[in-house]
Structures are given as C-alpha cells and as structure tokens.
Amino acid sequence: MKITSANKPSLFINNLKQGIFIDLLLLAALVSLVVGITAPLMTLEKLYFFENRISLIGAVTQLFEKKEWILFVVIGLFSLCLPFIKITSLMAILHIPHQGNSFLDKLLRWIEHWGKWSMLDVFVVALLLVSVKLGALAKVTVHYGVYVFAGSVILTMIVSFWIDRLARKRDNANE
C-alpha cells in the first residue's frame, strides 16, 4: 500500500511538543507583527513645539496619500504583506500533511532560503527614520514599536529555521 501525504501526519502531529511550542511562537510573532506595525515607531520633534508620532501603518498610509508609489509599494510589500504571508505559510506548513517535493515543502525551502531578507523589514524601518524630512532642529525618539516589530521578524526567522529542521528530519527518516 502506497502511503500518500493525505494519510501522513503533519509536522505538528509528528512533533507534538515542539509543534505546540512552535505554534505559540508563531502566535507571538503574529501578535508582535500587528503591534509592531500599529504602535508608534518614533516621535519626530521639531523646534520643541511640533511633535509627530509615526507608526509603520501610518507612514505607509501617508506615502499612499502623498502618491509616493514606489516607497508605498516597497514598504507595504516588505513590511506589511510578506511578514503576514510568511507567518501564515509557516502555520500551513506545520499543520497540513505534506512530503518532500510538495508545494508546501518547496514553499518552506523558499522561506528558509530567502529568510535573510526578513532583515529587510528592519532595514525598511531604519529607512523610514532616514526618509523623514528632518529639519535642522529635529529630534527623533525611537519607541517600543521598533523593538516589537524587530522581535516579530526574529521570531519568524527562528520558527522558519525550526520547521525546516523538522521537515528535513522527517524527510531523512522516510528515505
């Protein structure tokens, strides 16, 4: 009888204790991502009179309103869309049964291979700091949103590595 991926257990079921911990990390990464994009990243203070708090979602909205299309697309794609896609893909890879050459396995390899680009998210936040038009007497104060957002990126990188390791261990055991 040939065993198909439909009757094979998922990575979560195969590694239940680790799977529960990975799920908790993915949930923490998702919550951190939502908080990180909505929380204030920085405050821009000019001449001690004018103060502007900036969040990632607010900055992307401003870019859209000011018709800065390239920055809007780049920051929106790399800082908003791709992190959500990555987290939901990792959840699917963990919970849906699949084998070595399936779409989910190829997606996992793609996430793991291109995972270093996750730091692009943090770099984009740094670019936001630089791209704000600073006056001669401007002061930028960094807030907790930057750290929460960076935490989400790091958690996602850890989880993708961990899931990739579990998948490779499963594939090696099936050979």
Protein backbone atom coordinates (compact mmCIF):
# COMPACT_ATOMS: atom_id res chain seq x y z
CA MET A 1 0.00 0.00 0.00
CA LYS A 2 1.42 3.35 -1.03
CA ILE A 3 1.35 5.99 1.69
CA THR A 4 0.29 9.40 0.44
CA SER A 5 0.67 12.75 2.16
CA ALA A 6 -3.10 12.70 2.77
CA ASN A 7 -2.75 9.91 5.33
CA LYS A 8 0.63 11.04 6.68
CA PRO A 9 0.59 13.09 9.85
CA SER A 10 1.59 16.74 9.73
CA LEU A 11 4.83 18.06 11.18
CA PHE A 12 2.75 19.29 14.11
CA ILE A 13 1.39 15.80 14.86
CA ASN A 14 4.78 14.14 14.31
CA ASN A 15 6.42 16.53 16.79
CA LEU A 16 3.57 17.41 19.13
CA LYS A 17 5.51 19.06 21.98
CA GLN A 18 7.67 21.06 19.60
CA GLY A 19 4.63 21.78 17.44
CA ILE A 20 2.76 23.33 20.36
CA PHE A 21 5.78 25.48 21.21
CA ILE A 22 6.20 26.48 17.55
CA ASP A 23 2.50 27.41 17.39
CA LEU A 24 2.96 29.63 20.44
CA LEU A 25 5.99 31.28 18.82
CA LEU A 26 4.04 31.83 15.59
CA LEU A 27 1.18 33.35 17.55
CA ALA A 28 3.65 35.60 19.39
CA ALA A 29 5.22 36.59 16.05
CA LEU A 30 1.79 37.42 14.61
CA VAL A 31 0.74 39.47 17.64
CA SER A 32 4.14 41.21 17.65
CA LEU A 33 3.77 41.99 13.96
CA VAL A 34 0.34 43.55 14.43
CA VAL A 35 1.50 45.55 17.45
CA GLY A 36 4.75 46.49 15.69
CA ILE A 37 3.06 47.94 12.61
CA THR A 38 0.39 49.83 14.57
CA ALA A 39 2.42 51.03 17.57
CA PRO A 40 4.42 54.24 17.41
CA LEU A 41 7.89 53.64 15.99
CA MET A 42 9.22 57.10 16.63
CA THR A 43 8.38 60.63 17.57
CA LEU A 44 9.67 63.47 15.46
CA GLU A 45 10.06 66.68 17.42
CA LYS A 46 10.84 69.95 15.65
CA LEU A 47 11.70 73.15 17.47
CA TYR A 48 10.24 71.77 20.73
CA PHE A 49 6.75 72.83 19.54
CA PHE A 50 5.78 70.37 16.85
CA GLU A 51 5.60 66.68 17.61
CA ASN A 52 4.63 63.89 15.23
CA ARG A 53 4.30 60.24 16.27
CA ILE A 54 4.86 57.82 13.42
CA SER A 55 3.75 54.20 13.13
CA LEU A 56 4.57 51.89 10.24
CA ILE A 57 0.95 51.68 9.08
CA GLY A 58 0.64 55.46 9.43
CA ALA A 59 3.78 56.01 7.39
CA VAL A 60 2.57 53.68 4.64
CA THR A 61 -0.79 55.49 4.61
CA GLN A 62 1.00 58.84 4.32
CA LEU A 63 3.09 57.54 1.45
CA PHE A 64 -0.10 56.50 -0.33
CA GLU A 65 -1.76 59.88 0.32
CA LYS A 66 1.32 61.74 -0.93
CA LYS A 67 1.43 59.50 -4.02
CA GLU A 68 4.92 58.18 -3.27
CA TRP A 69 4.07 54.99 -5.15
CA ILE A 70 7.48 53.29 -5.20
CA LEU A 71 8.09 53.73 -1.47
CA PHE A 72 4.47 52.81 -0.76
CA VAL A 73 4.78 49.54 -2.70
CA VAL A 74 8.25 48.60 -1.36
CA ILE A 75 7.48 49.34 2.29
CA GLY A 76 3.94 47.97 2.05
CA LEU A 77 5.11 44.77 0.40
CA PHE A 78 8.19 44.03 2.50
CA SER A 79 6.96 45.32 5.85
CA LEU A 80 3.25 44.58 5.79
CA CYS A 81 2.33 41.89 3.25
CA LEU A 82 5.29 39.50 3.22
CA PRO A 83 5.56 39.08 7.00
CA PHE A 84 1.88 38.09 7.20
CA ILE A 85 2.29 35.73 4.24
CA LYS A 86 5.36 34.19 5.86
CA ILE A 87 3.65 33.57 9.19
CA THR A 88 0.50 32.07 7.64
CA SER A 89 2.63 29.93 5.30
CA LEU A 90 4.64 28.61 8.25
CA MET A 91 1.36 27.76 10.03
CA ALA A 92 0.15 25.87 6.96
CA ILE A 93 3.47 24.04 6.55
CA LEU A 94 3.36 22.97 10.20
CA HIS A 95 -0.27 21.78 10.22
CA ILE A 96 -1.01 20.43 6.72
CA PRO A 97 0.38 16.95 5.97
CA HIS A 98 2.91 17.03 3.13
CA GLN A 99 6.02 15.26 1.88
CA GLY A 100 9.37 16.15 0.41
CA ASN A 101 8.53 17.53 -3.02
CA SER A 102 5.12 19.02 -2.32
CA PHE A 103 4.21 22.66 -2.83
CA LEU A 104 4.37 23.28 0.93
CA ASP A 105 7.84 21.77 1.15
CA LYS A 106 9.04 23.94 -1.73
CA LEU A 107 7.45 26.95 -0.01
CA LEU A 108 9.32 26.08 3.19
CA ARG A 109 12.63 25.85 1.31
CA TRP A 110 11.87 29.20 -0.33
CA ILE A 111 11.10 30.81 3.05
CA GLU A 112 14.22 29.35 4.62
CA HIS A 113 16.45 30.31 1.68
CA TRP A 114 15.13 33.87 1.44
CA GLY A 115 14.76 34.23 5.23
CA LYS A 116 17.73 36.53 5.41
CA TRP A 117 15.61 39.08 3.55
CA SER A 118 13.48 39.26 6.69
CA MET A 119 16.02 41.69 7.98
CA LEU A 120 14.90 43.88 5.12
CA ASP A 121 11.85 44.57 7.28
CA VAL A 122 14.05 46.03 9.99
CA PHE A 123 16.05 47.88 7.36
CA VAL A 124 12.85 49.40 5.99
CA VAL A 125 12.05 50.75 9.44
CA ALA A 126 15.53 52.26 9.56
CA LEU A 127 14.90 53.78 6.13
CA LEU A 128 11.73 55.28 7.50
CA LEU A 129 13.81 57.01 10.14
CA VAL A 130 16.10 58.40 7.45
CA SER A 131 13.37 59.24 4.94
CA VAL A 132 11.53 61.50 7.37
CA LYS A 133 12.36 65.01 6.35
CA LEU A 134 14.34 66.30 9.29
CA GLY A 135 14.71 69.98 9.96
CA ALA A 136 17.87 71.43 11.41
CA LEU A 137 16.47 71.27 14.95
CA ALA A 138 14.60 67.97 14.73
CA LYS A 139 14.90 65.23 17.30
CA VAL A 140 13.85 61.63 16.70
CA THR A 141 12.86 59.44 19.64
CA VAL A 142 12.52 55.72 18.97
CA HIS A 143 9.57 53.93 20.62
CA TYR A 144 8.70 50.35 21.51
CA GLY A 145 7.08 49.64 18.11
CA VAL A 146 10.51 49.25 16.52
CA TYR A 147 11.53 46.63 19.06
CA VAL A 148 8.24 44.73 18.87
CA PHE A 149 8.41 44.73 15.06
CA ALA A 150 12.04 43.54 15.12
CA GLY A 151 11.03 40.84 17.63
CA SER A 152 8.40 39.58 15.21
CA VAL A 153 10.96 39.36 12.41
CA ILE A 154 13.41 37.46 14.62
CA LEU A 155 10.73 35.06 15.91
CA THR A 156 9.64 34.33 12.35
CA MET A 157 13.23 33.59 11.32
CA ILE A 158 13.70 31.23 14.29
CA VAL A 159 10.44 29.40 13.58
CA SER A 160 11.18 29.01 9.86
CA PHE A 161 14.57 27.50 10.70
CA TRP A 162 12.99 25.18 13.27
CA ILE A 163 10.23 23.98 10.91
CA ASP A 164 12.78 23.47 8.14
CA ARG A 165 14.87 21.34 10.51
CA LEU A 166 11.82 19.22 11.44
CA ALA A 167 10.92 18.76 7.76
CA ARG A 168 14.47 17.68 6.88
CA LYS A 169 14.49 15.25 9.80
CA ARG A 170 11.16 13.82 8.58
CA ASP A 171 12.44 13.52 5.01
CA ASN A 172 15.66 11.82 6.14
CA ALA A 173 13.66 9.32 8.22
CA ASN A 174 11.48 8.50 5.17
CA GLU A 175 14.45 7.70 2.92
